[in-house]
N, C-alpha and C. Protein backbone atom coordinates (compact mmCIF):
# COMPACT_ATOMS: atom_id res chain seq x y z
N MET A 1 164.56 140.03 105.99
CA MET A 1 163.16 139.85 106.28
C MET A 1 162.99 138.66 107.22
N LEU A 2 162.13 138.83 108.21
CA LEU A 2 161.89 137.80 109.21
C LEU A 2 160.94 136.75 108.66
N ASN A 3 161.31 135.49 108.78
CA ASN A 3 160.48 134.39 108.29
C ASN A 3 159.64 133.86 109.45
N ARG A 4 158.42 134.37 109.58
CA ARG A 4 157.53 133.96 110.66
C ARG A 4 156.67 132.79 110.22
N PRO A 5 156.30 131.92 111.17
CA PRO A 5 155.37 130.85 110.82
C PRO A 5 153.99 131.44 110.53
N ASP A 6 153.24 130.79 109.70
CA ASP A 6 151.90 131.23 109.37
C ASP A 6 150.90 130.32 110.08
N THR A 7 150.69 130.57 111.38
CA THR A 7 149.82 129.70 112.16
C THR A 7 148.35 129.99 111.91
N HIS A 8 148.02 131.22 111.62
CA HIS A 8 146.64 131.63 111.40
C HIS A 8 146.50 132.17 109.98
N SER A 9 145.30 132.07 109.45
CA SER A 9 145.03 132.46 108.07
C SER A 9 144.20 133.74 108.01
N LYS A 10 144.62 134.67 107.17
CA LYS A 10 143.81 135.88 106.96
C LYS A 10 142.46 135.52 106.33
N LEU A 11 142.50 134.59 105.36
CA LEU A 11 141.26 134.19 104.69
C LEU A 11 140.26 133.61 105.70
N PHE A 12 140.74 132.71 106.57
CA PHE A 12 139.86 132.13 107.58
C PHE A 12 139.39 133.21 108.56
N GLY A 13 140.28 134.14 108.88
CA GLY A 13 139.90 135.26 109.75
C GLY A 13 138.79 136.09 109.15
N TYR A 14 138.89 136.37 107.85
CA TYR A 14 137.83 137.13 107.19
C TYR A 14 136.53 136.34 107.09
N LEU A 15 136.62 135.03 106.91
CA LEU A 15 135.40 134.21 106.90
C LEU A 15 134.72 134.26 108.27
N LEU A 16 135.52 134.20 109.34
CA LEU A 16 134.95 134.32 110.67
C LEU A 16 134.45 135.74 110.94
N TRP A 17 135.08 136.72 110.30
CA TRP A 17 134.67 138.11 110.47
C TRP A 17 133.23 138.31 110.02
N ILE A 18 132.80 137.55 109.02
CA ILE A 18 131.41 137.66 108.57
C ILE A 18 130.47 137.47 109.76
N PHE A 19 130.86 136.56 110.68
CA PHE A 19 130.08 136.36 111.90
C PHE A 19 130.74 137.11 113.06
N GLY A 20 131.59 138.07 112.74
CA GLY A 20 132.41 138.76 113.73
C GLY A 20 131.63 139.58 114.73
N PHE A 21 130.40 139.93 114.39
CA PHE A 21 129.60 140.66 115.36
C PHE A 21 129.33 139.78 116.59
N LEU A 22 129.65 138.49 116.47
CA LEU A 22 129.59 137.59 117.63
C LEU A 22 130.98 137.29 118.18
N GLY A 23 132.00 137.93 117.64
CA GLY A 23 133.35 137.81 118.18
C GLY A 23 134.16 136.64 117.68
N ALA A 24 133.69 135.89 116.71
CA ALA A 24 134.38 134.67 116.27
C ALA A 24 135.81 134.94 115.82
N HIS A 25 136.02 135.96 115.01
CA HIS A 25 137.37 136.25 114.52
C HIS A 25 138.30 136.69 115.65
N ARG A 26 137.78 137.37 116.64
CA ARG A 26 138.61 137.81 117.77
C ARG A 26 139.06 136.63 118.61
N PHE A 27 138.17 135.68 118.84
CA PHE A 27 138.58 134.46 119.54
C PHE A 27 139.66 133.73 118.74
N TYR A 28 139.46 133.63 117.44
CA TYR A 28 140.40 132.94 116.56
C TYR A 28 141.80 133.54 116.64
N TYR A 29 141.88 134.86 116.71
CA TYR A 29 143.19 135.51 116.76
C TYR A 29 143.73 135.66 118.17
N GLY A 30 143.11 134.99 119.14
CA GLY A 30 143.65 134.96 120.50
C GLY A 30 143.32 136.18 121.32
N LYS A 31 142.15 136.76 121.10
CA LYS A 31 141.70 137.92 121.85
C LYS A 31 140.36 137.59 122.52
N PRO A 32 140.40 136.74 123.55
CA PRO A 32 139.14 136.27 124.14
C PRO A 32 138.34 137.33 124.89
N ILE A 33 139.01 138.31 125.50
CA ILE A 33 138.26 139.33 126.24
C ILE A 33 137.44 140.17 125.28
N THR A 34 138.09 140.69 124.21
CA THR A 34 137.31 141.48 123.26
C THR A 34 136.36 140.61 122.46
N GLY A 35 136.69 139.34 122.27
CA GLY A 35 135.76 138.42 121.63
C GLY A 35 134.47 138.30 122.43
N THR A 36 134.61 138.21 123.74
CA THR A 36 133.44 138.13 124.62
C THR A 36 132.65 139.43 124.59
N ILE A 37 133.36 140.56 124.60
CA ILE A 37 132.67 141.86 124.52
C ILE A 37 131.91 141.96 123.20
N TRP A 38 132.55 141.55 122.10
CA TRP A 38 131.89 141.58 120.79
C TRP A 38 130.66 140.68 120.81
N PHE A 39 130.75 139.52 121.47
CA PHE A 39 129.63 138.58 121.53
C PHE A 39 128.42 139.23 122.21
N PHE A 40 128.65 139.88 123.34
CA PHE A 40 127.53 140.43 124.10
C PHE A 40 127.05 141.80 123.60
N THR A 41 127.84 142.47 122.77
CA THR A 41 127.44 143.80 122.27
C THR A 41 127.26 143.81 120.75
N PHE A 42 127.19 142.62 120.13
CA PHE A 42 127.04 142.50 118.68
C PHE A 42 128.11 143.31 117.94
N GLY A 43 129.36 142.94 118.22
CA GLY A 43 130.49 143.57 117.53
C GLY A 43 130.71 144.99 117.99
N PHE A 44 130.54 145.19 119.30
CA PHE A 44 130.61 146.52 119.89
C PHE A 44 129.72 147.47 119.09
N PHE A 45 128.45 147.08 119.03
CA PHE A 45 127.39 147.83 118.36
C PHE A 45 127.67 148.02 116.86
N LEU A 46 128.27 146.99 116.28
CA LEU A 46 128.62 146.91 114.85
C LEU A 46 129.74 147.86 114.43
N ILE A 47 130.04 148.85 115.22
CA ILE A 47 131.12 149.79 114.87
C ILE A 47 132.47 149.08 114.94
N GLY A 48 132.71 148.36 116.04
CA GLY A 48 133.95 147.61 116.18
C GLY A 48 134.08 146.53 115.13
N TRP A 49 132.97 145.93 114.76
CA TRP A 49 132.96 144.89 113.73
C TRP A 49 133.44 145.46 112.40
N ILE A 50 132.97 146.64 112.03
CA ILE A 50 133.39 147.27 110.78
C ILE A 50 134.87 147.65 110.84
N ILE A 51 135.31 148.21 111.96
CA ILE A 51 136.72 148.59 112.12
C ILE A 51 137.61 147.36 112.03
N ASP A 52 137.14 146.24 112.57
CA ASP A 52 137.94 145.00 112.54
C ASP A 52 138.26 144.53 111.13
N PHE A 53 137.43 144.88 110.17
CA PHE A 53 137.72 144.51 108.78
C PHE A 53 139.12 144.99 108.39
N PHE A 54 139.50 146.15 108.87
CA PHE A 54 140.80 146.72 108.55
C PHE A 54 141.89 146.26 109.51
N LEU A 55 141.51 145.76 110.68
CA LEU A 55 142.48 145.32 111.69
C LEU A 55 142.89 143.85 111.56
N ILE A 56 142.18 143.09 110.76
CA ILE A 56 142.47 141.66 110.64
C ILE A 56 143.91 141.37 110.22
N PRO A 57 144.50 142.08 109.26
CA PRO A 57 145.90 141.78 108.92
C PRO A 57 146.86 141.92 110.11
N SER A 58 146.67 142.93 110.94
CA SER A 58 147.56 143.08 112.10
C SER A 58 147.25 142.03 113.17
N MET A 59 145.97 141.67 113.35
CA MET A 59 145.64 140.61 114.30
C MET A 59 146.23 139.29 113.85
N ASP A 60 146.22 139.04 112.54
CA ASP A 60 146.81 137.82 111.99
C ASP A 60 148.31 137.79 112.25
N GLU A 61 148.98 138.90 112.04
CA GLU A 61 150.42 138.98 112.26
C GLU A 61 150.77 138.74 113.73
N GLN A 62 149.99 139.33 114.62
CA GLN A 62 150.22 139.13 116.06
C GLN A 62 150.03 137.67 116.45
N ALA A 63 148.97 137.04 115.92
CA ALA A 63 148.72 135.63 116.24
C ALA A 63 149.83 134.74 115.68
N ASP A 64 150.31 135.05 114.48
CA ASP A 64 151.39 134.26 113.89
C ASP A 64 152.66 134.32 114.74
N SER A 65 152.93 135.46 115.34
CA SER A 65 154.15 135.57 116.15
C SER A 65 153.94 135.05 117.57
N ARG A 66 152.71 134.95 118.01
CA ARG A 66 152.42 134.55 119.39
C ARG A 66 152.28 133.05 119.58
N PHE A 67 151.73 132.35 118.59
CA PHE A 67 151.42 130.94 118.76
C PHE A 67 152.38 130.07 117.97
N ARG A 68 152.61 128.87 118.49
CA ARG A 68 153.59 127.93 117.94
C ARG A 68 152.98 127.08 116.83
N GLU A 69 153.69 127.02 115.71
CA GLU A 69 153.23 126.16 114.63
C GLU A 69 153.62 124.72 114.92
N GLY A 70 153.01 123.79 114.23
CA GLY A 70 153.34 122.39 114.43
C GLY A 70 152.34 121.47 113.77
N GLU A 71 152.26 120.29 114.30
CA GLU A 71 151.45 119.22 113.72
C GLU A 71 149.96 119.53 113.74
N VAL A 72 149.48 120.15 114.81
CA VAL A 72 148.06 120.47 114.93
C VAL A 72 147.82 121.83 114.28
N ASP A 73 146.92 121.88 113.31
CA ASP A 73 146.64 123.09 112.55
C ASP A 73 145.56 123.92 113.25
N TYR A 74 145.83 125.20 113.43
CA TYR A 74 144.88 126.10 114.10
C TYR A 74 143.58 126.22 113.31
N ASN A 75 143.67 126.31 112.00
CA ASN A 75 142.46 126.49 111.18
C ASN A 75 141.53 125.31 111.31
N ILE A 76 142.07 124.11 111.29
CA ILE A 76 141.23 122.91 111.43
C ILE A 76 140.64 122.86 112.83
N GLY A 77 141.46 123.15 113.84
CA GLY A 77 140.96 123.16 115.22
C GLY A 77 139.82 124.13 115.40
N TRP A 78 139.97 125.35 114.87
CA TRP A 78 138.92 126.35 115.00
C TRP A 78 137.68 126.01 114.18
N LEU A 79 137.89 125.44 113.01
CA LEU A 79 136.75 125.01 112.20
C LEU A 79 135.94 123.95 112.94
N LEU A 80 136.63 122.98 113.53
CA LEU A 80 135.95 121.93 114.28
C LEU A 80 135.26 122.48 115.53
N LEU A 81 135.92 123.38 116.25
CA LEU A 81 135.30 123.96 117.45
C LEU A 81 134.07 124.77 117.07
N THR A 82 134.19 125.60 116.05
CA THR A 82 133.10 126.50 115.70
C THR A 82 131.85 125.76 115.24
N PHE A 83 132.04 124.70 114.46
CA PHE A 83 130.87 124.04 113.87
C PHE A 83 130.50 122.70 114.50
N THR A 84 131.44 122.07 115.24
CA THR A 84 131.12 120.76 115.84
C THR A 84 131.60 120.68 117.28
N GLY A 85 131.72 121.84 117.94
CA GLY A 85 132.25 121.87 119.29
C GLY A 85 131.51 121.00 120.28
N VAL A 86 130.20 120.93 120.18
CA VAL A 86 129.43 120.13 121.13
C VAL A 86 129.72 118.64 121.00
N PHE A 87 130.28 118.23 119.88
CA PHE A 87 130.63 116.82 119.68
C PHE A 87 132.06 116.50 120.08
N GLY A 88 132.84 117.52 120.41
CA GLY A 88 134.21 117.30 120.87
C GLY A 88 135.21 116.94 119.80
N LEU A 89 134.86 117.13 118.54
CA LEU A 89 135.77 116.73 117.46
C LEU A 89 137.07 117.52 117.49
N HIS A 90 137.03 118.78 117.90
CA HIS A 90 138.26 119.58 117.99
C HIS A 90 139.21 119.01 119.04
N ARG A 91 138.67 118.47 120.12
CA ARG A 91 139.51 117.87 121.15
C ARG A 91 140.09 116.54 120.67
N MET A 92 139.31 115.77 119.98
CA MET A 92 139.82 114.52 119.43
C MET A 92 140.91 114.79 118.40
N TYR A 93 140.73 115.83 117.60
CA TYR A 93 141.73 116.22 116.60
C TYR A 93 143.07 116.54 117.27
N MET A 94 143.02 117.14 118.46
CA MET A 94 144.25 117.48 119.18
C MET A 94 144.83 116.29 119.94
N GLY A 95 144.14 115.16 119.90
CA GLY A 95 144.62 113.98 120.61
C GLY A 95 144.10 113.88 122.03
N LYS A 96 143.13 114.70 122.38
CA LYS A 96 142.53 114.68 123.72
C LYS A 96 141.25 113.83 123.64
N TRP A 97 141.46 112.53 123.49
CA TRP A 97 140.35 111.62 123.23
C TRP A 97 139.38 111.52 124.40
N ILE A 98 139.86 111.49 125.61
CA ILE A 98 138.96 111.32 126.76
C ILE A 98 138.02 112.52 126.89
N THR A 99 138.59 113.74 126.87
CA THR A 99 137.71 114.90 126.97
C THR A 99 136.86 115.06 125.72
N GLY A 100 137.35 114.62 124.57
CA GLY A 100 136.54 114.64 123.37
C GLY A 100 135.31 113.77 123.50
N ILE A 101 135.47 112.60 124.06
CA ILE A 101 134.33 111.69 124.28
C ILE A 101 133.40 112.25 125.34
N ILE A 102 133.97 112.87 126.38
CA ILE A 102 133.13 113.51 127.41
C ILE A 102 132.29 114.62 126.77
N TYR A 103 132.91 115.44 125.91
CA TYR A 103 132.16 116.48 125.21
C TYR A 103 131.05 115.87 124.36
N LEU A 104 131.37 114.78 123.68
CA LEU A 104 130.40 114.10 122.82
C LEU A 104 129.18 113.66 123.63
N LEU A 105 129.42 113.13 124.82
CA LEU A 105 128.34 112.60 125.64
C LEU A 105 127.58 113.66 126.44
N THR A 106 128.19 114.84 126.62
CA THR A 106 127.56 115.86 127.47
C THR A 106 127.25 117.16 126.72
N GLY A 107 127.31 117.14 125.39
CA GLY A 107 127.04 118.35 124.63
C GLY A 107 128.06 119.44 124.92
N GLY A 108 129.32 119.07 124.89
CA GLY A 108 130.39 120.04 125.15
C GLY A 108 130.41 120.49 126.59
N LEU A 109 130.24 119.51 127.49
CA LEU A 109 130.13 119.78 128.93
C LEU A 109 129.06 120.84 129.19
N PHE A 110 127.91 120.60 128.59
CA PHE A 110 126.75 121.46 128.76
C PHE A 110 127.04 122.90 128.30
N LEU A 111 127.82 123.02 127.22
CA LEU A 111 128.21 124.26 126.56
C LEU A 111 129.25 125.08 127.34
N ILE A 112 129.46 124.79 128.60
CA ILE A 112 130.47 125.51 129.37
C ILE A 112 131.87 125.17 128.85
N GLY A 113 132.08 123.92 128.48
CA GLY A 113 133.36 123.51 127.91
C GLY A 113 133.63 124.20 126.58
N ILE A 114 132.59 124.42 125.80
CA ILE A 114 132.74 125.12 124.53
C ILE A 114 133.23 126.55 124.78
N LEU A 115 132.61 127.22 125.73
CA LEU A 115 133.03 128.58 126.08
C LEU A 115 134.49 128.59 126.54
N TYR A 116 134.85 127.63 127.37
CA TYR A 116 136.23 127.52 127.83
C TYR A 116 137.18 127.33 126.63
N ASP A 117 136.79 126.50 125.70
CA ASP A 117 137.65 126.24 124.54
C ASP A 117 137.74 127.46 123.62
N PHE A 118 136.69 128.25 123.51
CA PHE A 118 136.79 129.48 122.73
C PHE A 118 137.82 130.42 123.35
N TRP A 119 137.91 130.41 124.67
CA TRP A 119 138.89 131.26 125.36
C TRP A 119 140.31 130.71 125.25
N THR A 120 140.47 129.39 125.16
CA THR A 120 141.81 128.80 125.31
C THR A 120 142.30 127.95 124.16
N LEU A 121 141.55 127.80 123.08
CA LEU A 121 141.95 126.85 122.03
C LEU A 121 143.31 127.17 121.43
N ASN A 122 143.61 128.44 121.17
CA ASN A 122 144.92 128.78 120.62
C ASN A 122 146.05 128.31 121.54
N ASP A 123 145.90 128.54 122.83
CA ASP A 123 146.93 128.10 123.78
C ASP A 123 147.00 126.58 123.86
N GLN A 124 145.85 125.91 123.79
CA GLN A 124 145.85 124.45 123.82
C GLN A 124 146.60 123.88 122.61
N ILE A 125 146.35 124.44 121.43
CA ILE A 125 147.02 123.95 120.23
C ILE A 125 148.51 124.27 120.29
N SER A 126 148.83 125.47 120.74
CA SER A 126 150.24 125.85 120.84
C SER A 126 150.98 124.92 121.80
N GLU A 127 150.38 124.60 122.92
CA GLU A 127 151.00 123.68 123.89
C GLU A 127 151.12 122.29 123.30
N ARG A 128 150.10 121.85 122.60
CA ARG A 128 150.15 120.52 121.96
C ARG A 128 151.27 120.47 120.92
N ASN A 129 151.41 121.53 120.14
CA ASN A 129 152.48 121.58 119.14
C ASN A 129 153.86 121.59 119.80
N ARG A 130 153.98 122.23 120.93
CA ARG A 130 155.24 122.22 121.67
C ARG A 130 155.56 120.82 122.16
N GLU A 131 154.56 120.12 122.70
CA GLU A 131 154.75 118.75 123.21
C GLU A 131 155.14 117.80 122.08
N VAL A 132 154.47 117.90 120.94
CA VAL A 132 154.73 117.01 119.82
C VAL A 132 156.14 117.22 119.29
N LYS A 133 156.59 118.46 119.27
CA LYS A 133 157.92 118.78 118.75
C LYS A 133 159.01 118.15 119.61
N PHE A 134 158.78 118.04 120.92
CA PHE A 134 159.80 117.51 121.83
C PHE A 134 159.72 116.01 122.01
N ASN A 135 158.68 115.37 121.51
CA ASN A 135 158.56 113.91 121.64
C ASN A 135 159.32 113.19 120.57
């Protein structure tokens, strides 16, 4: 049996799924294009949202194999982005203090930075974990 890292949580994915008609769980599992489609179509007219209830285990498995585990926890990063993104706390958590302070002073770079982070947070954390491992 393959011992994969558990970078993403099914429980957290299901909690985000509750708001999944806005694409939150899809962004969390590293699917920004469909996350954006879900956002603008209310979970692809709620049909995709219902189907996703059954797809979360496979999305979790894909995310676990795709992203690097390490010092920075994906669940904490996503929790901070989702609920305090405009304050930049997720960026400060990753050690990006300058951009975190910029987000704090500009409301998440006038919300455009928040959108960017929803698209790229998994990759940012994975890269940060790679850097920390080699230092």
